[in-house]
Amino acid sequence: EMTRVAQHKDKDFDAIVPSIGQSDMSDEHQDQAINICREAYKMQHEGEFKYFKDMAEYIKKEMEEKFEDSWHVIVGTNFGSFVSYEHKTLILFWLEHIGFLLYKHG
């Protein structure tokens, strides 16, 4: 039992291939955004975040630090969306079962 838990803790988040639903973002920015979300997913897995909203808050702060302005972040396993966003600042993708929608507006 202990071994299984230890192995579970050592999950390789870098190996998770994102499944991209929609992207209007440069490749470089897309990679940076995905890596920020990957880090949030890892922190949630390790017990640092209890709710998806905590992951979203972390991602928003990191995105705004890196790319400035006002970013909107939705994290969850089941959601629909219809949003207005600034040119080249939207990405919707999944890491395993968790969906991430990031976009800049306002």
C-alpha atoms as a PDB file:
ATOM      1  CA  GLU A   1       0.000   0.000   0.000  1.00  0.00           C
ATOM      2  CA  MET A   2       2.741   2.460   0.952  1.00  0.00           C
ATOM      3  CA  THR A   3       4.630   1.799  -2.272  1.00  0.00           C
ATOM      4  CA  ARG A   4       1.557   2.496  -4.374  1.00  0.00           C
ATOM      5  CA  VAL A   5       1.035   5.838  -2.622  1.00  0.00           C
ATOM      6  CA  ALA A   6       4.690   6.772  -3.072  1.00  0.00           C
ATOM      7  CA  GLN A   7       4.520   5.940  -6.777  1.00  0.00           C
ATOM      8  CA  HIS A   8       1.353   7.982  -7.049  1.00  0.00           C
ATOM      9  CA  LYS A   9       3.103  10.989  -5.497  1.00  0.00           C
ATOM     10  CA  ASP A  10       5.870  10.666  -8.079  1.00  0.00           C
ATOM     11  CA  LYS A  11       3.450  11.127 -10.988  1.00  0.00           C
ATOM     12  CA  ASP A  12       5.258  12.668 -13.965  1.00  0.00           C
ATOM     13  CA  PHE A  13       3.232  15.767 -14.810  1.00  0.00           C
ATOM     14  CA  ASP A  14       5.663  16.775 -17.560  1.00  0.00           C
ATOM     15  CA  ALA A  15       4.734  13.588 -19.421  1.00  0.00           C
ATOM     16  CA  ILE A  16       1.034  14.530 -19.656  1.00  0.00           C
ATOM     17  CA  VAL A  17       0.265  15.472 -23.242  1.00  0.00           C
ATOM     18  CA  PRO A  18      -2.247  18.334 -23.345  1.00  0.00           C
ATOM     19  CA  SER A  19      -5.333  17.797 -25.465  1.00  0.00           C
ATOM     20  CA  ILE A  20      -5.990  21.144 -27.132  1.00  0.00           C
ATOM     21  CA  GLY A  21      -9.587  22.055 -27.929  1.00  0.00           C
ATOM     22  CA  GLN A  22      -9.038  25.563 -29.263  1.00  0.00           C
ATOM     23  CA  SER A  23      -6.050  27.860 -29.398  1.00  0.00           C
ATOM     24  CA  ASP A  24      -5.614  31.392 -30.653  1.00  0.00           C
ATOM     25  CA  MET A  25      -2.223  32.056 -29.140  1.00  0.00           C
ATOM     26  CA  SER A  26       1.392  31.964 -30.309  1.00  0.00           C
ATOM     27  CA  ASP A  27       3.162  28.627 -29.813  1.00  0.00           C
ATOM     28  CA  GLU A  28       5.509  30.185 -27.262  1.00  0.00           C
ATOM     29  CA  HIS A  29       2.681  31.691 -25.200  1.00  0.00           C
ATOM     30  CA  GLN A  30       0.699  28.470 -25.502  1.00  0.00           C
ATOM     31  CA  ASP A  31       3.606  26.448 -24.093  1.00  0.00           C
ATOM     32  CA  GLN A  32       4.031  28.898 -21.205  1.00  0.00           C
ATOM     33  CA  ALA A  33       0.301  28.845 -20.396  1.00  0.00           C
ATOM     34  CA  ILE A  34       0.187  25.037 -20.465  1.00  0.00           C
ATOM     35  CA  ASN A  35       3.217  24.834 -18.172  1.00  0.00           C
ATOM     36  CA  ILE A  36       1.586  27.186 -15.644  1.00  0.00           C
ATOM     37  CA  CYS A  37      -1.538  24.972 -15.653  1.00  0.00           C
ATOM     38  CA  ARG A  38       0.590  21.845 -15.394  1.00  0.00           C
ATOM     39  CA  GLU A  39       2.212  23.308 -12.266  1.00  0.00           C
ATOM     40  CA  ALA A  40      -1.237  24.088 -10.783  1.00  0.00           C
ATOM     41  CA  TYR A  41      -2.382  20.513 -11.524  1.00  0.00           C
ATOM     42  CA  LYS A  42       0.726  19.155  -9.809  1.00  0.00           C
ATOM     43  CA  MET A  43       0.111  21.379  -6.757  1.00  0.00           C
ATOM     44  CA  GLN A  44      -3.524  20.228  -6.603  1.00  0.00           C
ATOM     45  CA  HIS A  45      -2.404  16.592  -6.816  1.00  0.00           C
ATOM     46  CA  GLU A  46       0.009  17.168  -3.930  1.00  0.00           C
ATOM     47  CA  GLY A  47      -2.776  18.613  -1.789  1.00  0.00           C
ATOM     48  CA  GLU A  48      -1.832  22.277  -2.001  1.00  0.00           C
ATOM     49  CA  PHE A  49      -5.125  23.255  -3.673  1.00  0.00           C
ATOM     50  CA  LYS A  50      -8.438  21.787  -2.570  1.00  0.00           C
ATOM     51  CA  TYR A  51     -10.736  23.277  -5.223  1.00  0.00           C
ATOM     52  CA  PHE A  52     -10.530  24.051  -8.924  1.00  0.00           C
ATOM     53  CA  LYS A  53     -11.101  27.710  -8.049  1.00  0.00           C
ATOM     54  CA  ASP A  54      -7.830  27.676  -6.090  1.00  0.00           C
ATOM     55  CA  MET A  55      -6.027  26.368  -9.179  1.00  0.00           C
ATOM     56  CA  ALA A  56      -7.729  29.056 -11.286  1.00  0.00           C
ATOM     57  CA  GLU A  57      -6.614  31.794  -8.888  1.00  0.00           C
ATOM     58  CA  TYR A  58      -3.010  30.561  -9.005  1.00  0.00           C
ATOM     59  CA  ILE A  59      -3.077  30.351 -12.827  1.00  0.00           C
ATOM     60  CA  LYS A  60      -4.611  33.841 -13.140  1.00  0.00           C
ATOM     61  CA  LYS A  61      -1.895  35.372 -10.931  1.00  0.00           C
ATOM     62  CA  GLU A  62       0.872  33.601 -12.864  1.00  0.00           C
ATOM     63  CA  MET A  63      -0.606  34.581 -16.264  1.00  0.00           C
ATOM     64  CA  GLU A  64      -0.995  38.216 -15.231  1.00  0.00           C
ATOM     65  CA  GLU A  65       2.567  38.280 -13.906  1.00  0.00           C
ATOM     66  CA  LYS A  66       3.914  36.822 -17.157  1.00  0.00           C
ATOM     67  CA  PHE A  67       1.649  38.460 -19.755  1.00  0.00           C
ATOM     68  CA  GLU A  68       0.154  41.429 -17.858  1.00  0.00           C
ATOM     69  CA  ASP A  69      -3.381  42.818 -18.198  1.00  0.00           C
ATOM     70  CA  SER A  70      -6.536  40.997 -17.106  1.00  0.00           C
ATOM     71  CA  TRP A  71      -6.783  37.241 -17.636  1.00  0.00           C
ATOM     72  CA  HIS A  72      -9.844  35.075 -17.076  1.00  0.00           C
ATOM     73  CA  VAL A  73      -9.318  31.468 -16.013  1.00  0.00           C
ATOM     74  CA  ILE A  74     -11.840  28.641 -15.821  1.00  0.00           C
ATOM     75  CA  VAL A  75     -10.771  25.238 -14.480  1.00  0.00           C
ATOM     76  CA  GLY A  76     -13.068  22.239 -14.242  1.00  0.00           C
ATOM     77  CA  THR A  77     -14.182  18.891 -15.557  1.00  0.00           C
ATOM     78  CA  ASN A  78     -17.440  19.931 -17.208  1.00  0.00           C
ATOM     79  CA  PHE A  79     -18.218  23.368 -18.609  1.00  0.00           C
ATOM     80  CA  GLY A  80     -19.361  25.128 -21.748  1.00  0.00           C
ATOM     81  CA  SER A  81     -18.260  28.600 -22.726  1.00  0.00           C
ATOM     82  CA  PHE A  82     -18.881  31.465 -25.113  1.00  0.00           C
ATOM     83  CA  VAL A  83     -16.521  34.369 -24.547  1.00  0.00           C
ATOM     84  CA  SER A  84     -15.141  37.538 -26.100  1.00  0.00           C
ATOM     85  CA  TYR A  85     -11.366  37.745 -25.991  1.00  0.00           C
ATOM     86  CA  GLU A  86      -8.482  39.757 -27.339  1.00  0.00           C
ATOM     87  CA  HIS A  87      -6.733  38.552 -30.505  1.00  0.00           C
ATOM     88  CA  LYS A  88      -4.147  35.822 -29.856  1.00  0.00           C
ATOM     89  CA  THR A  89      -4.973  35.387 -26.156  1.00  0.00           C
ATOM     90  CA  LEU A  90      -7.192  32.320 -25.816  1.00  0.00           C
ATOM     91  CA  ILE A  91      -6.539  28.666 -25.136  1.00  0.00           C
ATOM     92  CA  LEU A  92      -8.838  25.794 -24.161  1.00  0.00           C
ATOM     93  CA  PHE A  93      -7.188  22.479 -23.372  1.00  0.00           C
ATOM     94  CA  TRP A  94      -7.233  19.468 -21.054  1.00  0.00           C
ATOM     95  CA  LEU A  95      -4.628  17.817 -18.880  1.00  0.00           C
ATOM     96  CA  GLU A  96      -6.127  14.370 -18.378  1.00  0.00           C
ATOM     97  CA  HIS A  97      -9.693  14.934 -17.077  1.00  0.00           C
ATOM     98  CA  ILE A  98      -9.280  18.615 -16.145  1.00  0.00           C
ATOM     99  CA  GLY A  99     -10.198  21.372 -18.583  1.00  0.00           C
ATOM    100  CA  PHE A 100      -8.497  24.777 -18.641  1.00  0.00           C
ATOM    101  CA  LEU A 101      -9.874  27.843 -20.402  1.00  0.00           C
ATOM    102  CA  LEU A 102      -7.621  30.910 -20.336  1.00  0.00           C
ATOM    103  CA  TYR A 103      -8.280  34.155 -22.159  1.00  0.00           C
ATOM    104  CA  LYS A 104      -7.563  37.845 -21.933  1.00  0.00           C
ATOM    105  CA  HIS A 105     -10.325  40.421 -22.011  1.00  0.00           C
ATOM    106  CA  GLY A 106     -10.455  43.935 -20.585  1.00  0.00           C
END
